[in-house]
Amino acid sequence: MLVASPSALTQTRELGGTGELLDGVAALVGEGVVLKSQLTQGVAMATRNFRAFQAQLPPQQRRQLPPLSVLEEQVLEQLILEEIQLQRARTFGIIVGDDVLNQFLAAGAQGSGITLEQMPAALAAEGIDYTAFRQEARDQMMLEQLRQRDVVVNIVVAPREMELCLDRSTLSASQELDYNISHILIGLPSSATREEVDEAQSRVNEISQRLQDGDSFAELALTYSDAQTALEGGSLGWRGGALLPTLFANTVVAMSEGDHSEPIQSASGFHIVRLNESRGAAPVMIDQLQIRHILVEPTEVLDDSNAELRLWGIYEQILNGDDFGTVAQSVSDDTVSATDGGDMGWVDPGAFVPEFEEVIAGLEIGELSEPFRTRFGWHIAEVLDSRSFDTTELTKERNCVEQIRASKAEEEEELWLRRIRDEAFVEVRM
């Protein structure tokens, strides 16, 4: 693992008037800055990730670390874009409070088999500062909210688009395959001149020729790509056939593994896509539960203790023979499920908050839980049935919605990033 030496870190700092070391500025961005220490840390992280990725490859496919100047340029541009977006998010009042952040981190900790309270020590053992980790997580959540606000929310899936997608999904065997693809983007400004278009086309043609001559796609992506995946060698990972960006879809499904496309022009620039691997897609089976519940919410009038006592009374009623559905219709504060006698229908794993999931996971079919607390109030729940459900057709419909959104979102996000980058004041101090 590469760790920046004390001398290297010192070089990113400058002496202040009092003789104290001050962090140097790598770039001025709007009303903020990107610090040299951020750049140093980013390059170190990119180096670690690159080496970890290479270690997973067969020896004959491994590549050398790119020159430091290339890594610095890529990392600095990503830090600039992130700072622009964070400033924009704050302008629109997008914030992530501690409660929301803690819920997000707790879910991540649970996935690693630890609690939120154990996370600082676990991160420290890996040499990661918990405070910095929390801030990075908060920033990424803010950026995702901004992306939803500025890009995704403006994308509409038209009925005709949905119909055509489902038709293609039924008729085309390619939709039943998954594709592992990589991507190089030579970007264009939002208001590119003819000279800028010609220059970008010349660059992408040169890259295309180098690929034909046998140069590594990953190294060329790392060195030249303007896409957000450049530091991952251009990797877009596995995509279902229905989730391939429209810009690439027809090209990718006609390619053989290891092939790369000719340059493809779009509003955001020139693209080259590579098919790394493909594989057959299996039926999508999910173990579902049919759940019903009764909720009593604490209020200003009914405090938490009395809400619990009230639900214990309801629980005794049902144990003594009262019909669950009838009682739920009368008393449950979950107005959506109450109309169906508390029935929440068939639900997928992970559909509920962890406190609810934990209780229903321990119930047998037909077993009524004792009252328990979640962030929403006091519940009693019953598992009515279970099934292993083939969601392939439903998944196709969801995939079509996601495909249409993703095909538009990727292009729209690139255009959006270029636009806000062009509009921002940036002065590189390196």
Protein backbone atom coordinates (compact mmCIF):
# COMPACT_ATOMS: atom_id res chain seq x y z
CA MET A 1 0.00 0.00 0.00
CA LEU A 2 1.36 3.41 -1.04
CA VAL A 3 1.45 6.06 1.69
CA ALA A 4 2.71 9.59 0.99
CA SER A 5 6.00 10.22 2.81
CA PRO A 6 6.33 13.11 5.29
CA SER A 7 8.57 14.95 2.81
CA ALA A 8 6.00 14.57 0.05
CA LEU A 9 3.26 15.91 2.29
CA THR A 10 5.48 18.82 3.35
CA GLN A 11 5.86 19.84 -0.29
CA THR A 12 2.11 20.48 -0.46
CA ARG A 13 2.31 23.12 2.25
CA GLU A 14 3.57 26.69 2.45
CA LEU A 15 4.93 28.77 5.35
CA GLY A 16 2.61 31.39 6.79
CA GLY A 17 3.67 34.68 8.36
CA THR A 18 3.93 33.07 11.79
CA GLY A 19 6.19 30.31 10.53
CA GLU A 20 3.35 27.73 10.66
CA LEU A 21 2.89 25.36 7.73
CA LEU A 22 -0.21 26.23 5.71
CA ASP A 23 -1.87 23.93 3.20
CA GLY A 24 -1.12 24.95 -0.41
CA VAL A 25 -3.82 25.68 -2.97
CA ALA A 26 -4.04 23.40 -6.01
CA ALA A 27 -6.96 25.26 -7.62
CA LEU A 28 -9.36 28.12 -6.92
CA VAL A 29 -12.93 26.96 -7.59
CA GLY A 30 -15.70 29.54 -7.34
CA GLU A 31 -15.82 30.63 -3.71
CA GLY A 32 -13.78 27.63 -2.56
CA VAL A 33 -10.48 25.88 -3.15
CA VAL A 34 -8.99 22.47 -3.83
CA LEU A 35 -6.03 22.02 -1.50
CA LYS A 36 -2.75 20.40 -2.43
CA SER A 37 -3.23 18.03 0.49
CA GLN A 38 -6.53 16.90 -1.07
CA LEU A 39 -4.72 16.29 -4.33
CA THR A 40 -1.95 14.35 -2.58
CA GLN A 41 -4.49 12.19 -0.76
CA GLY A 42 -6.51 11.68 -3.96
CA VAL A 43 -3.46 10.60 -5.93
CA ALA A 44 -2.46 8.21 -3.14
CA MET A 45 -5.95 6.72 -3.11
CA ALA A 46 -6.02 6.42 -6.93
CA THR A 47 -2.62 4.71 -6.80
CA ARG A 48 -3.82 2.22 -4.19
CA ASN A 49 -6.97 1.48 -6.16
CA PHE A 50 -5.01 1.07 -9.39
CA ARG A 51 -2.57 -1.38 -7.82
CA ALA A 52 -5.36 -3.31 -6.11
CA PHE A 53 -7.19 -3.59 -9.43
CA GLN A 54 -4.03 -4.72 -11.23
CA ALA A 55 -3.33 -7.35 -8.56
CA GLN A 56 -6.63 -9.04 -9.43
CA LEU A 57 -5.66 -9.43 -13.10
CA PRO A 58 -3.62 -12.27 -14.63
CA PRO A 59 0.09 -11.31 -14.79
CA GLN A 60 0.06 -10.91 -18.57
CA GLN A 61 -2.73 -8.31 -18.35
CA ARG A 62 -1.19 -6.15 -15.65
CA ARG A 63 -0.06 -2.64 -16.53
CA GLN A 64 2.39 -0.20 -15.01
CA LEU A 65 1.24 2.78 -12.98
CA PRO A 66 0.72 5.82 -15.23
CA PRO A 67 3.03 8.83 -14.85
CA LEU A 68 2.40 10.96 -11.77
CA SER A 69 1.51 13.97 -13.93
CA VAL A 70 -1.32 12.00 -15.59
CA LEU A 71 -2.72 10.86 -12.24
CA GLU A 72 -2.52 14.37 -10.81
CA GLU A 73 -4.35 15.85 -13.79
CA GLN A 74 -7.17 13.29 -13.61
CA VAL A 75 -7.56 13.51 -9.83
CA LEU A 76 -7.44 17.32 -9.81
CA GLU A 77 -10.18 17.54 -12.45
CA GLN A 78 -12.37 15.19 -10.38
CA LEU A 79 -11.77 17.26 -7.24
CA ILE A 80 -12.62 20.47 -9.13
CA LEU A 81 -15.87 18.97 -10.44
CA GLU A 82 -16.77 17.72 -6.97
CA GLU A 83 -16.14 21.14 -5.41
CA ILE A 84 -18.28 22.83 -8.07
CA GLN A 85 -21.12 20.39 -7.36
CA LEU A 86 -20.86 20.74 -3.58
CA GLN A 87 -21.02 24.52 -3.83
CA ARG A 88 -24.05 24.19 -6.09
CA ALA A 89 -25.71 21.77 -3.64
CA ARG A 90 -25.22 24.21 -0.75
CA THR A 91 -26.66 27.02 -2.87
CA PHE A 92 -29.86 24.99 -3.29
CA GLY A 93 -30.00 24.21 0.42
CA ILE A 94 -29.17 20.52 0.04
CA ILE A 95 -27.92 19.20 3.36
CA VAL A 96 -27.46 15.76 4.91
CA GLY A 97 -28.17 15.80 8.64
CA ASP A 98 -26.43 13.63 11.19
CA ASP A 99 -29.48 11.37 11.66
CA VAL A 100 -29.70 10.56 7.94
CA LEU A 101 -25.94 10.11 7.70
CA ASN A 102 -25.91 7.80 10.72
CA GLN A 103 -28.66 5.65 9.21
CA PHE A 104 -26.67 5.37 5.97
CA LEU A 105 -23.43 4.50 7.79
CA ALA A 106 -25.21 2.06 10.10
CA ALA A 107 -26.54 0.16 7.08
CA GLY A 108 -23.03 0.01 5.64
CA ALA A 109 -21.61 -1.14 8.95
CA GLN A 110 -24.26 -3.84 9.25
CA GLY A 111 -23.28 -5.12 5.81
CA SER A 112 -19.72 -5.51 7.11
CA GLY A 113 -20.87 -7.36 10.22
CA ILE A 114 -20.20 -4.53 12.68
CA THR A 115 -22.19 -1.80 14.41
CA LEU A 116 -21.98 1.93 13.82
CA GLU A 117 -20.27 2.27 17.20
CA GLN A 118 -17.58 -0.19 16.10
CA MET A 119 -16.97 1.56 12.78
CA PRO A 120 -14.38 4.16 13.97
CA ALA A 121 -12.11 1.44 15.37
CA ALA A 122 -12.56 -0.75 12.28
CA LEU A 123 -11.64 2.15 9.99
CA ALA A 124 -8.69 3.14 12.17
CA ALA A 125 -7.33 -0.40 11.82
CA GLU A 126 -7.26 0.21 8.05
CA GLY A 127 -5.58 3.60 8.48
CA ILE A 128 -8.76 5.58 7.66
CA ASP A 129 -9.78 8.63 9.68
CA TYR A 130 -13.43 8.28 10.78
CA THR A 131 -14.15 12.03 10.70
CA ALA A 132 -12.86 12.31 7.13
CA PHE A 133 -14.81 9.15 6.19
CA ARG A 134 -18.04 10.65 7.53
CA GLN A 135 -17.47 13.88 5.64
CA GLU A 136 -16.79 12.03 2.39
CA ALA A 137 -19.98 9.99 2.85
CA ARG A 138 -21.96 13.17 3.59
CA ASP A 139 -20.53 14.86 0.48
CA GLN A 140 -21.40 11.89 -1.76
CA MET A 141 -24.97 11.83 -0.43
CA MET A 142 -25.27 15.55 -1.16
CA LEU A 143 -23.94 15.02 -4.70
CA GLU A 144 -26.46 12.24 -5.32
CA GLN A 145 -29.30 14.50 -4.16
CA LEU A 146 -28.01 17.24 -6.46
CA ARG A 147 -27.83 14.80 -9.38
CA GLN A 148 -31.41 13.72 -8.69
CA ARG A 149 -32.49 17.38 -8.59
CA ASP A 150 -30.62 18.63 -11.63
CA VAL A 151 -30.59 15.58 -13.90
CA VAL A 152 -32.72 12.56 -13.03
CA VAL A 153 -35.89 14.35 -11.96
CA ASN A 154 -36.08 16.02 -15.37
CA ILE A 155 -36.02 12.73 -17.31
CA VAL A 156 -39.45 11.50 -18.42
CA VAL A 157 -40.16 7.93 -19.56
CA ALA A 158 -42.79 8.21 -22.28
CA PRO A 159 -45.32 5.35 -22.70
CA ARG A 160 -44.15 4.81 -26.29
CA GLU A 161 -40.52 4.51 -25.12
CA MET A 162 -41.60 1.91 -22.57
CA GLU A 163 -43.56 -0.03 -25.18
CA LEU A 164 -40.65 -0.09 -27.63
CA CYS A 165 -38.23 -1.16 -24.93
CA LEU A 166 -40.43 -4.07 -23.83
CA ASP A 167 -40.82 -5.13 -27.47
CA ARG A 168 -37.05 -5.13 -27.89
CA SER A 169 -36.67 -7.04 -24.64
CA THR A 170 -39.02 -9.75 -25.90
CA LEU A 171 -37.61 -10.00 -29.41
CA SER A 172 -33.91 -9.59 -28.82
CA ALA A 173 -31.84 -12.31 -27.21
CA SER A 174 -29.26 -9.66 -26.43
CA GLN A 175 -31.55 -8.37 -23.71
CA GLU A 176 -31.06 -11.67 -21.87
CA LEU A 177 -27.29 -11.10 -21.66
CA ASP A 178 -25.14 -9.06 -19.32
CA TYR A 179 -22.24 -7.02 -20.68
CA ASN A 180 -19.04 -5.85 -19.00
CA ILE A 181 -18.02 -2.68 -20.84
CA SER A 182 -15.46 0.10 -20.66
CA HIS A 183 -15.62 3.58 -22.11
CA ILE A 184 -13.41 6.46 -23.24
CA LEU A 185 -14.85 9.96 -23.62
CA ILE A 186 -13.15 12.86 -25.31
CA GLY A 187 -15.40 15.61 -24.02
CA LEU A 188 -16.61 18.78 -25.66
CA PRO A 189 -17.59 22.05 -23.95
CA SER A 190 -21.31 22.76 -23.84
CA SER A 191 -20.84 25.43 -26.54
CA ALA A 192 -17.99 23.91 -28.55
CA THR A 193 -16.56 25.77 -31.52
CA ARG A 194 -15.83 24.09 -34.85
CA GLU A 195 -12.13 24.12 -34.01
CA GLU A 196 -12.77 22.41 -30.65
CA VAL A 197 -14.88 19.72 -32.34
CA ASP A 198 -12.17 19.11 -34.94
CA GLU A 199 -9.48 18.92 -32.25
CA ALA A 200 -11.52 16.42 -30.20
CA GLN A 201 -12.18 14.32 -33.28
CA SER A 202 -8.49 14.27 -34.10
CA ARG A 203 -7.67 13.12 -30.55
CA VAL A 204 -10.27 10.33 -30.54
CA ASN A 205 -9.10 9.13 -33.96
CA GLU A 206 -5.54 8.97 -32.64
CA ILE A 207 -6.72 6.95 -29.61
CA SER A 208 -8.71 4.63 -31.89
CA GLN A 209 -5.61 4.02 -33.99
CA ARG A 210 -3.52 3.28 -30.90
CA LEU A 211 -6.14 0.74 -29.78
CA GLN A 212 -5.91 -0.93 -33.17
CA ASP A 213 -2.13 -1.02 -32.75
CA GLY A 214 -2.58 -2.95 -29.48
CA ASP A 215 -2.31 -0.27 -26.80
CA SER A 216 -4.14 -0.94 -23.51
CA PHE A 217 -7.70 0.42 -23.40
CA ALA A 218 -7.46 0.92 -19.62
CA GLU A 219 -4.22 2.90 -19.85
CA LEU A 220 -5.55 5.11 -22.66
CA ALA A 221 -8.76 5.71 -20.68
CA LEU A 222 -6.75 6.63 -17.59
CA THR A 223 -4.54 8.99 -19.57
CA TYR A 224 -6.99 10.66 -21.95
CA SER A 225 -10.63 10.02 -21.01
CA ASP A 226 -12.74 12.90 -19.71
CA ALA A 227 -15.35 10.52 -18.26
CA GLN A 228 -15.83 10.12 -14.51
CA THR A 229 -14.63 6.50 -14.82
CA ALA A 230 -11.18 7.42 -16.17
CA LEU A 231 -9.37 6.45 -12.96
CA GLU A 232 -10.99 2.99 -13.17
CA GLY A 233 -9.56 2.49 -16.64
CA GLY A 234 -12.89 3.52 -18.14
CA SER A 235 -14.75 0.55 -16.60
CA LEU A 236 -18.54 0.84 -16.50
CA GLY A 237 -18.83 -2.65 -15.00
CA TRP A 238 -21.58 -5.17 -15.75
CA ARG A 239 -24.75 -3.91 -17.41
CA GLY A 240 -27.81 -5.93 -18.34
CA GLY A 241 -28.72 -5.74 -22.02
CA ALA A 242 -31.73 -3.66 -21.06
CA LEU A 243 -29.49 -1.25 -19.14
CA LEU A 244 -26.95 -0.50 -21.85
CA PRO A 245 -26.85 3.21 -22.66
CA THR A 246 -28.83 3.84 -25.84
CA LEU A 247 -25.77 5.49 -27.34
CA PHE A 248 -23.85 2.18 -27.15
CA ALA A 249 -26.58 -0.48 -27.14
CA ASN A 250 -26.69 -1.45 -30.81
CA THR A 251 -22.90 -1.28 -31.05
CA VAL A 252 -22.16 -3.39 -27.96
CA VAL A 253 -24.56 -6.25 -28.75
CA ALA A 254 -22.88 -6.72 -32.15
CA MET A 255 -19.35 -6.83 -30.70
CA SER A 256 -17.20 -9.79 -29.68
CA GLU A 257 -15.37 -9.88 -26.37
CA GLY A 258 -12.24 -7.72 -26.54
CA ASP A 259 -13.54 -5.58 -29.43
CA HIS A 260 -13.70 -1.80 -29.24
CA SER A 261 -15.96 0.45 -31.26
CA GLU A 262 -15.17 3.11 -33.77
CA PRO A 263 -15.55 6.65 -32.34
CA ILE A 264 -19.18 7.54 -31.65
CA GLN A 265 -20.15 11.23 -31.56
CA SER A 266 -22.76 12.68 -29.21
CA ALA A 267 -23.56 16.07 -27.73
CA SER A 268 -21.10 15.48 -24.88
CA GLY A 269 -18.17 14.48 -27.08
CA PHE A 270 -16.65 11.46 -28.81
CA HIS A 271 -16.91 7.98 -27.29
CA ILE A 272 -15.14 4.66 -27.73
CA VAL A 273 -16.65 1.63 -26.00
CA ARG A 274 -15.02 -1.76 -25.38
CA LEU A 275 -16.78 -5.07 -24.68
CA ASN A 276 -14.74 -6.83 -22.02
CA GLU A 277 -17.01 -9.84 -21.35
CA SER A 278 -20.58 -11.03 -21.76
CA ARG A 279 -22.61 -13.67 -19.92
CA GLY A 280 -26.08 -15.18 -19.90
CA ALA A 281 -28.65 -13.70 -17.57
CA ALA A 282 -30.41 -16.09 -15.16
CA PRO A 283 -34.07 -15.84 -14.07
CA VAL A 284 -34.49 -13.35 -11.27
CA MET A 285 -35.88 -15.22 -8.25
CA ILE A 286 -36.67 -13.42 -5.00
CA ASP A 287 -37.84 -14.90 -1.70
CA GLN A 288 -40.80 -12.74 -0.73
CA LEU A 289 -42.97 -12.54 2.39
CA GLN A 290 -46.61 -11.51 2.69
CA ILE A 291 -46.83 -9.28 5.76
CA ARG A 292 -49.59 -7.54 7.66
CA HIS A 293 -49.15 -5.19 10.58
CA ILE A 294 -50.81 -2.70 12.90
CA LEU A 295 -49.08 0.59 13.70
CA VAL A 296 -49.71 2.91 16.65
CA GLU A 297 -47.86 6.21 16.30
CA PRO A 298 -46.94 8.30 19.35
CA THR A 299 -48.34 11.84 19.17
CA GLU A 300 -48.37 14.95 21.34
CA VAL A 301 -51.51 13.56 22.98
CA LEU A 302 -50.45 9.88 23.06
CA ASP A 303 -46.87 9.66 24.31
CA ASP A 304 -44.54 6.74 23.58
CA SER A 305 -45.32 4.79 26.78
CA ASN A 306 -49.07 5.04 26.31
CA ALA A 307 -48.73 4.12 22.61
CA GLU A 308 -46.94 0.95 23.70
CA LEU A 309 -49.61 0.18 26.32
CA ARG A 310 -52.37 0.71 23.77
CA LEU A 311 -50.75 -1.72 21.35
CA TRP A 312 -50.32 -4.36 24.07
CA GLY A 313 -54.08 -4.12 24.59
CA ILE A 314 -54.68 -4.61 20.85
CA TYR A 315 -52.26 -7.54 20.89
CA GLU A 316 -54.26 -9.22 23.68
CA GLN A 317 -57.51 -8.66 21.75
CA ILE A 318 -56.15 -10.52 18.73
CA LEU A 319 -54.74 -13.35 20.86
CA ASN A 320 -58.19 -13.69 22.43
CA GLY A 321 -59.83 -14.20 19.04
CA ASP A 322 -60.52 -10.79 17.50
CA ASP A 323 -59.91 -10.70 13.74
CA PHE A 324 -56.56 -9.07 12.87
CA GLY A 325 -57.86 -7.48 9.66
CA THR A 326 -60.92 -5.96 11.30
CA VAL A 327 -58.87 -4.56 14.16
CA ALA A 328 -56.27 -3.15 11.75
CA GLN A 329 -58.96 -1.35 9.76
CA SER A 330 -60.22 0.25 12.97
CA VAL A 331 -57.05 1.25 14.80
CA SER A 332 -53.90 1.13 12.61
CA ASP A 333 -52.21 4.46 11.96
CA ASP A 334 -50.74 3.10 8.70
CA THR A 335 -53.62 4.40 6.61
CA VAL A 336 -52.35 2.75 3.40
CA SER A 337 -52.34 -0.83 4.70
CA ALA A 338 -55.22 -0.34 7.17
CA THR A 339 -57.77 -0.30 4.34
CA ASP A 340 -56.59 -3.84 3.46
CA GLY A 341 -56.73 -5.09 7.02
CA GLY A 342 -53.07 -4.26 7.61
CA ASP A 343 -51.95 -6.34 4.61
CA MET A 344 -48.77 -4.90 3.07
CA GLY A 345 -48.77 -7.43 0.22
CA TRP A 346 -45.77 -9.37 -1.05
CA VAL A 347 -42.56 -7.61 -0.14
CA ASP A 348 -38.94 -8.10 -1.15
CA PRO A 349 -36.06 -8.52 1.31
CA GLY A 350 -34.80 -5.16 2.54
CA ALA A 351 -38.10 -3.40 1.94
CA PHE A 352 -38.44 -2.37 5.59
CA VAL A 353 -36.30 -0.49 8.09
CA PRO A 354 -33.79 -2.77 9.91
CA GLU A 355 -35.79 -2.86 13.17
CA PHE A 356 -38.86 -4.20 11.30
CA GLU A 357 -36.79 -6.62 9.18
CA GLU A 358 -35.19 -8.11 12.29
CA VAL A 359 -38.56 -8.94 13.88
CA ILE A 360 -40.25 -10.46 10.82
CA ALA A 361 -37.13 -12.51 10.05
CA GLY A 362 -37.69 -14.34 13.32
CA LEU A 363 -41.40 -15.11 12.74
CA GLU A 364 -42.89 -18.35 11.47
CA ILE A 365 -45.80 -18.24 9.01
CA GLY A 366 -48.97 -17.41 10.98
CA GLU A 367 -47.04 -16.26 14.05
CA LEU A 368 -47.99 -12.91 15.60
CA SER A 369 -45.17 -10.77 16.96
CA GLU A 370 -45.25 -9.04 20.30
CA PRO A 371 -45.34 -5.22 20.15
CA PHE A 372 -42.02 -3.75 19.00
CA ARG A 373 -40.66 -0.28 18.32
CA THR A 374 -39.29 1.24 15.08
CA ARG A 375 -38.58 4.84 14.16
CA PHE A 376 -42.22 5.07 12.95
CA GLY A 377 -43.90 3.94 16.15
CA TRP A 378 -45.14 0.71 17.78
CA HIS A 379 -46.06 -2.32 15.65
CA ILE A 380 -47.37 -5.83 15.81
CA ALA A 381 -46.77 -7.90 12.68
CA GLU A 382 -47.69 -11.27 11.22
CA VAL A 383 -46.14 -13.25 8.35
CA LEU A 384 -49.05 -14.61 6.30
CA ASP A 385 -47.09 -16.56 3.68
CA SER A 386 -43.77 -16.88 1.84
CA ARG A 387 -42.84 -17.66 -1.74
CA SER A 388 -39.93 -17.79 -4.15
CA PHE A 389 -41.14 -15.50 -6.91
CA ASP A 390 -39.87 -15.28 -10.49
CA THR A 391 -39.61 -11.54 -11.01
CA THR A 392 -38.11 -11.81 -14.50
CA GLU A 393 -41.02 -10.07 -16.25
CA LEU A 394 -41.32 -7.41 -13.56
CA THR A 395 -37.56 -7.00 -13.71
CA LYS A 396 -37.79 -6.44 -17.47
CA GLU A 397 -40.27 -3.65 -16.89
CA ARG A 398 -38.12 -2.09 -14.18
CA ASN A 399 -35.04 -2.54 -16.34
CA CYS A 400 -36.76 -0.78 -19.22
CA VAL A 401 -37.55 2.19 -16.99
CA GLU A 402 -33.99 2.18 -15.69
CA GLN A 403 -32.55 1.75 -19.19
CA ILE A 404 -34.47 4.69 -20.59
CA ARG A 405 -33.55 6.84 -17.61
CA ALA A 406 -29.93 5.65 -17.62
CA SER A 407 -29.51 6.12 -21.36
CA LYS A 408 -30.71 9.68 -21.01
CA ALA A 409 -29.12 10.31 -17.61
CA GLU A 410 -25.57 9.39 -18.60
CA GLU A 411 -25.66 11.73 -21.56
CA GLU A 412 -27.54 14.42 -19.63
CA GLU A 413 -25.15 14.15 -16.69
CA GLU A 414 -22.09 14.55 -18.93
CA LEU A 415 -23.67 17.61 -20.55
CA TRP A 416 -24.66 18.98 -17.14
CA LEU A 417 -21.15 18.48 -15.72
CA ARG A 418 -19.59 20.17 -18.75
CA ARG A 419 -22.03 23.07 -18.47
CA ILE A 420 -21.48 23.74 -14.77
CA ARG A 421 -17.71 23.27 -15.28
CA ASP A 422 -17.72 25.83 -18.11
CA GLU A 423 -19.80 28.26 -16.02
CA ALA A 424 -17.62 28.00 -12.92
CA PHE A 425 -14.59 30.12 -12.13
CA VAL A 426 -11.57 27.80 -11.95
CA GLU A 427 -7.93 28.79 -11.64
CA VAL A 428 -5.42 25.95 -11.46
CA ARG A 429 -2.44 26.86 -9.29
CA MET A 430 -0.26 23.83 -10.08
